[in-house]
Amino acid sequence: MSGERLDPVVLGEAVAITKACQVFIAVGSSLQVQPAAGLAGVAADHGARLIIVNAEPTPYDERADEVVREPIGTALPKLLRRLSMASD
């Protein structure tokens, strides 16, 4: 819920996982509510491929490797299929 503080332990775990990920997909988020929005930048800073699926522009679009503006219900299945084939 917006405006509520995140549990610092949970946030720390999320940051650690984000630093280790190879692909970070932000889906349906404006990426403006901190600190969760900052995870996209953490992923990009640590070499993850950043993919944003959102109808509107976000502050992280320029850092993203790919920006998808299709409806989520259409874009996400195609994206996940493509990523799955690439990892085989």
N, C-alpha and C. Protein backbone atom coordinates (compact mmCIF):
# COMPACT_ATOMS: atom_id res chain seq x y z
N MET A 1 0.84 -1.17 0.00
CA MET A 1 0.00 0.00 0.00
C MET A 1 0.89 1.24 0.00
N SER A 2 0.56 2.17 -0.84
CA SER A 2 1.36 3.37 -0.97
C SER A 2 1.38 4.17 0.33
N GLY A 3 2.56 4.67 0.68
CA GLY A 3 2.69 5.48 1.88
C GLY A 3 3.06 4.69 3.12
N GLU A 4 2.98 3.37 3.06
CA GLU A 4 3.37 2.55 4.22
C GLU A 4 4.85 2.20 4.11
N ARG A 5 5.49 2.14 5.25
CA ARG A 5 6.91 1.78 5.28
C ARG A 5 7.06 0.28 5.03
N LEU A 6 8.08 -0.05 4.26
CA LEU A 6 8.38 -1.46 4.01
C LEU A 6 9.23 -2.00 5.14
N ASP A 7 9.02 -3.25 5.46
CA ASP A 7 9.84 -3.93 6.46
C ASP A 7 11.29 -3.90 5.98
N PRO A 8 12.22 -3.37 6.78
CA PRO A 8 13.61 -3.25 6.33
C PRO A 8 14.26 -4.59 5.99
N VAL A 9 13.87 -5.64 6.67
CA VAL A 9 14.42 -6.97 6.38
C VAL A 9 13.94 -7.43 5.01
N VAL A 10 12.67 -7.26 4.74
CA VAL A 10 12.11 -7.65 3.44
C VAL A 10 12.73 -6.82 2.33
N LEU A 11 12.88 -5.52 2.55
CA LEU A 11 13.50 -4.66 1.55
C LEU A 11 14.95 -5.06 1.31
N GLY A 12 15.67 -5.37 2.37
CA GLY A 12 17.05 -5.82 2.23
C GLY A 12 17.16 -7.10 1.41
N GLU A 13 16.24 -8.02 1.65
CA GLU A 13 16.22 -9.27 0.88
C GLU A 13 15.90 -8.98 -0.59
N ALA A 14 14.96 -8.08 -0.83
CA ALA A 14 14.61 -7.72 -2.21
C ALA A 14 15.80 -7.10 -2.94
N VAL A 15 16.54 -6.24 -2.25
CA VAL A 15 17.72 -5.61 -2.86
C VAL A 15 18.78 -6.68 -3.17
N ALA A 16 19.01 -7.61 -2.25
CA ALA A 16 20.01 -8.66 -2.48
C ALA A 16 19.62 -9.53 -3.68
N ILE A 17 18.36 -9.90 -3.76
CA ILE A 17 17.89 -10.71 -4.89
C ILE A 17 18.02 -9.92 -6.19
N THR A 18 17.66 -8.65 -6.14
CA THR A 18 17.72 -7.80 -7.33
C THR A 18 19.16 -7.66 -7.82
N LYS A 19 20.11 -7.51 -6.91
CA LYS A 19 21.52 -7.40 -7.31
C LYS A 19 22.02 -8.65 -8.00
N ALA A 20 21.43 -9.80 -7.70
CA ALA A 20 21.88 -11.07 -8.25
C ALA A 20 21.11 -11.51 -9.50
N CYS A 21 20.04 -10.83 -9.85
CA CYS A 21 19.20 -11.31 -10.96
C CYS A 21 19.83 -11.00 -12.31
N GLN A 22 19.47 -11.80 -13.30
CA GLN A 22 19.94 -11.59 -14.66
C GLN A 22 18.95 -10.77 -15.49
N VAL A 23 17.67 -10.92 -15.17
CA VAL A 23 16.61 -10.19 -15.87
C VAL A 23 15.67 -9.63 -14.81
N PHE A 24 15.33 -8.36 -14.92
CA PHE A 24 14.39 -7.71 -14.01
C PHE A 24 13.26 -7.17 -14.86
N ILE A 25 12.04 -7.65 -14.60
CA ILE A 25 10.88 -7.21 -15.37
C ILE A 25 9.97 -6.42 -14.45
N ALA A 26 9.74 -5.16 -14.79
CA ALA A 26 8.80 -4.31 -14.06
C ALA A 26 7.51 -4.27 -14.86
N VAL A 27 6.42 -4.74 -14.26
CA VAL A 27 5.15 -4.87 -14.99
C VAL A 27 4.09 -3.99 -14.36
N GLY A 28 3.51 -3.11 -15.17
CA GLY A 28 2.38 -2.31 -14.73
C GLY A 28 2.68 -1.37 -13.59
N SER A 29 3.88 -0.83 -13.55
CA SER A 29 4.27 0.07 -12.47
C SER A 29 4.77 1.38 -13.06
N SER A 30 4.41 2.48 -12.41
CA SER A 30 4.91 3.79 -12.85
C SER A 30 6.37 3.96 -12.46
N LEU A 31 6.87 3.10 -11.57
CA LEU A 31 8.24 3.15 -11.07
C LEU A 31 8.56 4.52 -10.47
N GLN A 32 7.60 5.04 -9.71
CA GLN A 32 7.80 6.34 -9.07
C GLN A 32 7.71 6.27 -7.56
N VAL A 33 7.20 5.18 -7.00
CA VAL A 33 7.04 5.08 -5.56
C VAL A 33 8.27 4.39 -4.97
N GLN A 34 9.02 5.14 -4.19
CA GLN A 34 10.25 4.62 -3.58
C GLN A 34 9.93 3.99 -2.23
N PRO A 35 10.67 3.04 -1.77
CA PRO A 35 11.95 2.56 -2.32
C PRO A 35 11.79 1.44 -3.35
N ALA A 36 10.60 0.87 -3.49
CA ALA A 36 10.43 -0.27 -4.39
C ALA A 36 10.79 0.09 -5.83
N ALA A 37 10.46 1.28 -6.28
CA ALA A 37 10.77 1.68 -7.65
C ALA A 37 12.27 1.67 -7.91
N GLY A 38 13.05 1.95 -6.91
CA GLY A 38 14.50 1.97 -7.05
C GLY A 38 15.12 0.63 -7.37
N LEU A 39 14.36 -0.44 -7.18
CA LEU A 39 14.89 -1.77 -7.49
C LEU A 39 15.22 -1.89 -8.98
N ALA A 40 14.48 -1.21 -9.84
CA ALA A 40 14.79 -1.23 -11.27
C ALA A 40 16.18 -0.68 -11.53
N GLY A 41 16.53 0.40 -10.87
CA GLY A 41 17.87 0.98 -11.01
C GLY A 41 18.95 0.09 -10.43
N VAL A 42 18.65 -0.54 -9.29
CA VAL A 42 19.61 -1.47 -8.68
C VAL A 42 19.91 -2.61 -9.65
N ALA A 43 18.85 -3.15 -10.27
CA ALA A 43 19.04 -4.25 -11.22
C ALA A 43 19.92 -3.81 -12.38
N ALA A 44 19.61 -2.65 -12.96
CA ALA A 44 20.39 -2.15 -14.10
C ALA A 44 21.84 -1.88 -13.70
N ASP A 45 22.04 -1.32 -12.51
CA ASP A 45 23.39 -1.02 -12.02
C ASP A 45 24.23 -2.28 -11.84
N HIS A 46 23.57 -3.41 -11.60
CA HIS A 46 24.28 -4.67 -11.35
C HIS A 46 24.25 -5.61 -12.55
N GLY A 47 23.95 -5.06 -13.74
CA GLY A 47 24.09 -5.81 -14.98
C GLY A 47 22.89 -6.62 -15.41
N ALA A 48 21.77 -6.49 -14.73
CA ALA A 48 20.57 -7.22 -15.15
C ALA A 48 19.99 -6.58 -16.41
N ARG A 49 19.36 -7.39 -17.20
CA ARG A 49 18.60 -6.87 -18.33
C ARG A 49 17.30 -6.32 -17.77
N LEU A 50 17.03 -5.04 -17.97
CA LEU A 50 15.85 -4.38 -17.43
C LEU A 50 14.79 -4.27 -18.52
N ILE A 51 13.62 -4.87 -18.24
CA ILE A 51 12.50 -4.83 -19.17
C ILE A 51 11.32 -4.20 -18.44
N ILE A 52 10.72 -3.19 -19.06
CA ILE A 52 9.58 -2.49 -18.47
C ILE A 52 8.35 -2.71 -19.35
N VAL A 53 7.30 -3.23 -18.73
CA VAL A 53 6.02 -3.41 -19.42
C VAL A 53 5.03 -2.48 -18.73
N ASN A 54 4.72 -1.36 -19.37
CA ASN A 54 3.84 -0.37 -18.76
C ASN A 54 3.23 0.50 -19.85
N ALA A 55 1.99 0.88 -19.69
CA ALA A 55 1.30 1.69 -20.70
C ALA A 55 1.86 3.09 -20.82
N GLU A 56 2.36 3.62 -19.73
CA GLU A 56 2.86 5.00 -19.70
C GLU A 56 4.37 5.03 -19.51
N PRO A 57 5.03 6.11 -19.89
CA PRO A 57 6.47 6.24 -19.65
C PRO A 57 6.80 6.20 -18.16
N THR A 58 8.01 5.73 -17.85
CA THR A 58 8.50 5.68 -16.48
C THR A 58 9.85 6.39 -16.41
N PRO A 59 10.29 6.74 -15.21
CA PRO A 59 11.61 7.38 -15.07
C PRO A 59 12.77 6.45 -15.45
N TYR A 60 12.50 5.16 -15.58
CA TYR A 60 13.57 4.20 -15.87
C TYR A 60 13.59 3.76 -17.34
N ASP A 61 12.71 4.30 -18.17
CA ASP A 61 12.64 3.87 -19.56
C ASP A 61 13.98 4.01 -20.29
N GLU A 62 14.68 5.10 -20.05
CA GLU A 62 15.96 5.32 -20.75
C GLU A 62 17.03 4.32 -20.32
N ARG A 63 16.90 3.77 -19.12
CA ARG A 63 17.87 2.78 -18.64
C ARG A 63 17.49 1.37 -19.04
N ALA A 64 16.26 1.19 -19.49
CA ALA A 64 15.76 -0.14 -19.80
C ALA A 64 16.36 -0.68 -21.10
N ASP A 65 16.55 -1.97 -21.13
CA ASP A 65 17.00 -2.64 -22.35
C ASP A 65 15.83 -2.80 -23.31
N GLU A 66 14.63 -2.84 -22.73
CA GLU A 66 13.43 -3.02 -23.55
C GLU A 66 12.25 -2.38 -22.82
N VAL A 67 11.43 -1.65 -23.56
CA VAL A 67 10.20 -1.06 -23.03
C VAL A 67 9.06 -1.56 -23.90
N VAL A 68 8.04 -2.12 -23.25
CA VAL A 68 6.89 -2.67 -23.96
C VAL A 68 5.66 -1.86 -23.58
N ARG A 69 4.96 -1.33 -24.56
CA ARG A 69 3.78 -0.50 -24.32
C ARG A 69 2.47 -1.22 -24.66
N GLU A 70 2.53 -2.50 -24.95
CA GLU A 70 1.31 -3.27 -25.23
C GLU A 70 0.56 -3.54 -23.93
N PRO A 71 -0.72 -3.88 -24.01
CA PRO A 71 -1.45 -4.27 -22.80
C PRO A 71 -0.75 -5.46 -22.13
N ILE A 72 -0.74 -5.46 -20.81
CA ILE A 72 -0.03 -6.48 -20.04
C ILE A 72 -0.47 -7.88 -20.43
N GLY A 73 -1.78 -8.08 -20.57
CA GLY A 73 -2.31 -9.40 -20.89
C GLY A 73 -1.82 -9.94 -22.22
N THR A 74 -1.45 -9.07 -23.13
CA THR A 74 -0.90 -9.46 -24.43
C THR A 74 0.62 -9.55 -24.37
N ALA A 75 1.22 -8.55 -23.77
CA ALA A 75 2.68 -8.43 -23.78
C ALA A 75 3.37 -9.48 -22.93
N LEU A 76 2.86 -9.72 -21.74
CA LEU A 76 3.57 -10.59 -20.80
C LEU A 76 3.70 -12.02 -21.29
N PRO A 77 2.64 -12.66 -21.78
CA PRO A 77 2.82 -14.04 -22.28
C PRO A 77 3.84 -14.12 -23.41
N LYS A 78 3.81 -13.14 -24.34
CA LYS A 78 4.79 -13.15 -25.44
C LYS A 78 6.20 -12.97 -24.91
N LEU A 79 6.37 -12.04 -23.98
CA LEU A 79 7.68 -11.76 -23.42
C LEU A 79 8.23 -12.98 -22.69
N LEU A 80 7.42 -13.59 -21.85
CA LEU A 80 7.88 -14.75 -21.10
C LEU A 80 8.20 -15.93 -22.01
N ARG A 81 7.41 -16.12 -23.07
CA ARG A 81 7.69 -17.19 -24.04
C ARG A 81 9.04 -16.93 -24.71
N ARG A 82 9.26 -15.68 -25.12
CA ARG A 82 10.52 -15.32 -25.78
C ARG A 82 11.72 -15.51 -24.85
N LEU A 83 11.58 -15.09 -23.59
CA LEU A 83 12.68 -15.25 -22.63
C LEU A 83 12.94 -16.72 -22.34
N SER A 84 11.87 -17.49 -22.27
CA SER A 84 12.01 -18.93 -22.01
C SER A 84 12.75 -19.61 -23.17
N MET A 85 12.43 -19.24 -24.40
CA MET A 85 13.11 -19.83 -25.56
C MET A 85 14.57 -19.42 -25.59
N ALA A 86 14.88 -18.21 -25.18
CA ALA A 86 16.25 -17.72 -25.19
C ALA A 86 17.11 -18.43 -24.16
N SER A 87 16.49 -18.91 -23.07
CA SER A 87 17.27 -19.56 -22.02
C SER A 87 17.46 -21.05 -22.26
N ASP A 88 16.75 -21.60 -23.27
CA ASP A 88 16.89 -23.04 -23.57
C ASP A 88 18.18 -23.35 -24.28
